[in-house]
């Protein structure tokens, strides 16, 4: 059984891996799982602004024994320094662009135990898998009504788009701002995900589910 390390964009994804994804993978007999934030400089972690930081972390971890390494970063505002980023301008659909970038990562890292993953469009898409998390987190009917209206527009929450004003996180921020509230990404985002439950997220988000299935197969 291999160990699993997932290099994350920031604290939200790191917490999600360690507190929500890890117990699920434990049920699948994968017992050593850890999310690790990108190290941007000595003693500083979090934030995905330069591909080299991600590459350094992935390559460092891959030197360890018996380990599978993956990534958990957002497509929304992904750095232009990513391998083959320029090729994404030739693609129209987001899925095509993400595939180009993931293939670029695979070729650049060039290791059999590396499984790249880029979240479409960002972590907060997962939070729209159903409305239970929002309704319990904020206990305000008008907030739950607004988030449910968004959910009703999409059969797949991963399709919620990445326009600067309509990305999943921006939608949450806008709804909460209308009620004089701020969105605490790490704390609230993961509590919402916990309320939804990993099984519902896997059911509603096919790209995310396909990634988890790849990780399970690679670690067993």
Protein backbone atom coordinates (compact mmCIF):
# COMPACT_ATOMS: atom_id res chain seq x y z
CA UNK A 1 0.00 0.00 0.00
CA UNK A 2 1.47 3.33 -1.08
CA UNK A 3 1.41 6.57 0.86
CA UNK A 4 -0.50 9.48 -0.71
CA UNK A 5 0.57 13.11 -0.70
CA UNK A 6 -1.56 15.82 -2.30
CA UNK A 7 0.07 19.20 -2.92
CA UNK A 8 -2.62 21.84 -2.49
CA UNK A 9 -3.09 25.42 -3.58
CA UNK A 10 -3.80 26.68 -0.08
CA UNK A 11 -5.17 26.01 3.36
CA UNK A 12 -8.72 25.35 2.20
CA UNK A 13 -7.73 22.44 0.00
CA UNK A 14 -5.17 21.22 2.53
CA UNK A 15 -7.84 21.10 5.24
CA UNK A 16 -10.29 19.41 2.90
CA UNK A 17 -7.77 16.66 2.11
CA UNK A 18 -6.79 16.11 5.74
CA UNK A 19 -10.20 16.34 7.40
CA UNK A 20 -12.71 15.19 4.77
CA UNK A 21 -10.92 13.23 2.06
CA UNK A 22 -8.52 11.34 4.33
CA UNK A 23 -11.26 9.55 6.36
CA UNK A 24 -12.94 8.49 3.12
CA UNK A 25 -9.68 7.10 1.73
CA UNK A 26 -9.04 5.34 5.04
CA UNK A 27 -12.24 3.39 4.36
CA UNK A 28 -10.63 2.38 1.05
CA UNK A 29 -7.63 0.96 2.92
CA UNK A 30 -5.37 3.92 2.13
CA UNK A 31 -4.04 4.72 5.56
CA UNK A 32 -1.33 7.34 5.02
CA UNK A 33 -2.78 10.44 3.36
CA UNK A 34 -1.71 14.06 3.75
CA UNK A 35 -2.48 17.36 2.09
CA UNK A 36 0.49 19.73 1.91
CA UNK A 37 0.31 23.38 0.94
CA UNK A 38 2.64 24.64 -1.76
CA UNK A 39 5.80 26.06 -0.23
CA UNK A 40 6.27 29.43 -1.88
CA UNK A 41 9.48 30.32 -0.04
CA UNK A 42 11.40 29.26 3.03
CA UNK A 43 8.88 29.05 5.86
CA UNK A 44 5.99 30.36 3.76
CA UNK A 45 3.19 28.16 2.41
CA UNK A 46 0.03 28.59 0.38
CA UNK A 47 -0.84 30.43 -2.78
CA UNK A 48 -0.32 29.22 -6.32
CA UNK A 49 1.31 32.04 -8.24
CA UNK A 50 4.29 30.29 -9.80
CA UNK A 51 4.48 26.80 -11.28
CA UNK A 52 8.07 26.31 -10.14
CA UNK A 53 6.94 26.28 -6.49
CA UNK A 54 4.53 23.44 -7.22
CA UNK A 55 7.10 21.54 -9.26
CA UNK A 56 9.71 21.83 -6.51
CA UNK A 57 7.34 20.36 -3.92
CA UNK A 58 6.14 17.53 -6.16
CA UNK A 59 9.66 16.50 -7.15
CA UNK A 60 10.87 16.66 -3.56
CA UNK A 61 8.08 14.38 -2.32
CA UNK A 62 8.49 11.95 -5.22
CA UNK A 63 12.04 11.27 -4.01
CA UNK A 64 10.54 9.60 -0.94
CA UNK A 65 9.86 5.88 -1.03
CA UNK A 66 6.54 4.21 -1.71
CA UNK A 67 4.61 7.41 -2.38
CA UNK A 68 1.97 8.62 -4.85
CA UNK A 69 1.84 12.39 -5.36
CA UNK A 70 -1.04 14.41 -6.75
CA UNK A 71 -2.10 18.05 -6.95
CA UNK A 72 -5.26 19.87 -5.93
CA UNK A 73 -5.19 23.33 -7.51
CA UNK A 74 -7.85 25.52 -9.12
CA UNK A 75 -8.18 26.14 -12.85
CA UNK A 76 -9.56 29.58 -12.00
CA UNK A 77 -6.63 32.03 -12.26
CA UNK A 78 -4.08 29.27 -12.74
CA UNK A 79 -0.54 30.67 -13.29
CA UNK A 80 0.52 31.33 -16.87
CA UNK A 81 3.85 29.67 -16.02
CA UNK A 82 2.19 26.25 -16.17
CA UNK A 83 3.63 23.83 -18.75
CA UNK A 84 1.91 24.19 -22.14
CA UNK A 85 -0.22 27.06 -20.89
CA UNK A 86 0.12 28.75 -24.27
CA UNK A 87 -1.64 25.79 -25.92
CA UNK A 88 -4.78 26.44 -23.89
CA UNK A 89 -5.44 29.53 -26.00
CA UNK A 90 -6.17 27.18 -28.90
CA UNK A 91 -8.91 25.36 -26.95
CA UNK A 92 -12.44 26.63 -26.47
CA UNK A 93 -13.89 24.51 -23.68
CA UNK A 94 -12.59 24.52 -20.13
CA UNK A 95 -12.31 20.72 -20.08
CA UNK A 96 -9.99 20.88 -23.07
CA UNK A 97 -7.86 23.55 -21.46
CA UNK A 98 -7.59 21.58 -18.22
CA UNK A 99 -6.66 18.42 -20.12
CA UNK A 100 -3.86 20.31 -21.88
CA UNK A 101 -2.54 21.60 -18.56
CA UNK A 102 -2.75 18.22 -16.82
CA UNK A 103 -0.98 16.56 -19.75
CA UNK A 104 1.66 19.26 -19.54
CA UNK A 105 2.17 18.51 -15.86
CA UNK A 106 2.43 14.78 -16.56
CA UNK A 107 5.12 15.32 -19.19
CA UNK A 108 7.06 17.88 -17.19
CA UNK A 109 7.15 15.91 -13.92
CA UNK A 110 7.63 12.63 -15.81
CA UNK A 111 7.16 10.18 -12.96
CA UNK A 112 4.89 7.09 -12.87
CA UNK A 113 3.69 7.89 -9.33
CA UNK A 114 2.51 11.41 -10.19
CA UNK A 115 -1.20 12.03 -10.84
CA UNK A 116 -1.99 15.67 -11.69
CA UNK A 117 -5.39 17.15 -10.87
CA UNK A 118 -6.75 20.61 -11.58
CA UNK A 119 -10.14 21.42 -10.06
CA UNK A 120 -12.76 22.77 -12.46
CA UNK A 121 -13.18 25.66 -11.89
CA UNK A 122 -12.23 25.96 -8.23
CA UNK A 123 -12.70 24.29 -4.85
CA UNK A 124 -15.97 26.11 -4.13
CA UNK A 125 -17.66 24.31 -7.03
CA UNK A 126 -17.79 21.25 -4.77
CA UNK A 127 -19.83 23.20 -2.23
CA UNK A 128 -22.73 23.46 -4.67
CA UNK A 129 -23.21 19.67 -4.72
CA UNK A 130 -26.34 20.26 -2.69
CA UNK A 131 -27.76 23.03 -0.51
CA UNK A 132 -27.48 21.30 2.85
CA UNK A 133 -24.11 22.82 3.67
CA UNK A 134 -25.16 26.39 2.95
CA UNK A 135 -28.51 26.12 4.74
CA UNK A 136 -26.93 24.70 7.91
CA UNK A 137 -23.88 26.92 7.85
CA UNK A 138 -25.65 30.27 7.65
CA UNK A 139 -29.13 29.59 9.07
CA UNK A 140 -30.59 32.38 6.96
CA UNK A 141 -33.44 31.42 4.59
CA UNK A 142 -32.61 34.07 2.01
CA UNK A 143 -29.00 32.81 1.76
CA UNK A 144 -30.18 29.24 1.31
CA UNK A 145 -32.68 30.42 -1.29
CA UNK A 146 -29.94 32.20 -3.26
CA UNK A 147 -27.54 29.24 -3.19
CA UNK A 148 -30.32 26.82 -4.13
CA UNK A 149 -31.13 28.99 -7.14
CA UNK A 150 -27.55 28.57 -8.34
CA UNK A 151 -27.61 24.82 -7.75
CA UNK A 152 -30.82 24.54 -9.75
CA UNK A 153 -29.12 26.09 -12.79
CA UNK A 154 -26.49 23.33 -13.10
CA UNK A 155 -26.81 19.55 -13.32
CA UNK A 156 -23.11 19.40 -12.51
CA UNK A 157 -21.68 21.96 -10.04
CA UNK A 158 -18.29 21.70 -11.75
CA UNK A 159 -19.85 23.63 -14.65
CA UNK A 160 -20.28 26.79 -12.58
CA UNK A 161 -18.04 29.07 -14.57
CA UNK A 162 -14.81 30.92 -13.94
CA UNK A 163 -15.70 34.46 -14.93
CA UNK A 164 -14.22 36.84 -12.35
CA UNK A 165 -17.72 37.80 -11.21
CA UNK A 166 -19.43 34.42 -11.41
CA UNK A 167 -16.85 31.90 -10.25
CA UNK A 168 -18.23 29.73 -7.40
CA UNK A 169 -16.32 31.60 -4.68
CA UNK A 170 -17.38 34.98 -6.06
CA UNK A 171 -21.02 33.89 -5.99
CA UNK A 172 -20.70 32.90 -2.33
CA UNK A 173 -18.95 36.15 -1.46
CA UNK A 174 -21.63 38.21 -3.22
CA UNK A 175 -24.50 36.44 -1.47
CA UNK A 176 -22.91 36.81 1.96
CA UNK A 177 -21.92 40.44 1.33
CA UNK A 178 -25.58 41.25 0.71
CA UNK A 179 -26.18 40.09 4.30
CA UNK A 180 -23.22 41.97 5.75
CA UNK A 181 -21.12 38.82 6.05
CA UNK A 182 -17.70 37.72 4.84
CA UNK A 183 -16.75 34.30 3.51
CA UNK A 184 -14.06 32.53 5.55
CA UNK A 185 -12.73 30.19 2.87
CA UNK A 186 -10.84 27.69 5.05
CA UNK A 187 -13.23 27.47 7.99
CA UNK A 188 -16.62 27.92 6.36
CA UNK A 189 -15.75 26.20 3.10
CA UNK A 190 -14.77 23.00 4.84
CA UNK A 191 -17.68 23.05 7.27
CA UNK A 192 -20.01 23.36 4.29
CA UNK A 193 -18.25 20.45 2.58
CA UNK A 194 -18.48 18.40 5.77
CA UNK A 195 -22.23 19.02 5.98
CA UNK A 196 -22.68 17.96 2.36
CA UNK A 197 -20.60 14.83 2.83
CA UNK A 198 -17.90 13.36 0.63
CA UNK A 199 -20.24 10.76 -0.88
CA UNK A 200 -22.61 13.44 -2.21
CA UNK A 201 -19.70 15.46 -3.58
CA UNK A 202 -18.39 12.37 -5.38
CA UNK A 203 -21.84 11.65 -6.77
CA UNK A 204 -22.42 15.16 -8.10
CA UNK A 205 -18.91 16.04 -9.36
CA UNK A 206 -17.71 13.59 -12.04
CA UNK A 207 -14.27 15.09 -12.66
CA UNK A 208 -13.55 15.13 -8.96
CA UNK A 209 -14.82 11.54 -8.63
CA UNK A 210 -12.64 10.35 -11.52
CA UNK A 211 -9.59 11.84 -9.79
CA UNK A 212 -10.33 10.11 -6.50
CA UNK A 213 -10.82 6.81 -8.32
CA UNK A 214 -7.40 7.24 -9.95
CA UNK A 215 -5.80 7.90 -6.56
CA UNK A 216 -7.39 4.82 -5.02
CA UNK A 217 -6.25 2.61 -7.90
CA UNK A 218 -2.70 3.99 -7.79
CA UNK A 219 -2.32 3.52 -4.04
CA UNK A 220 -3.64 -0.04 -3.81
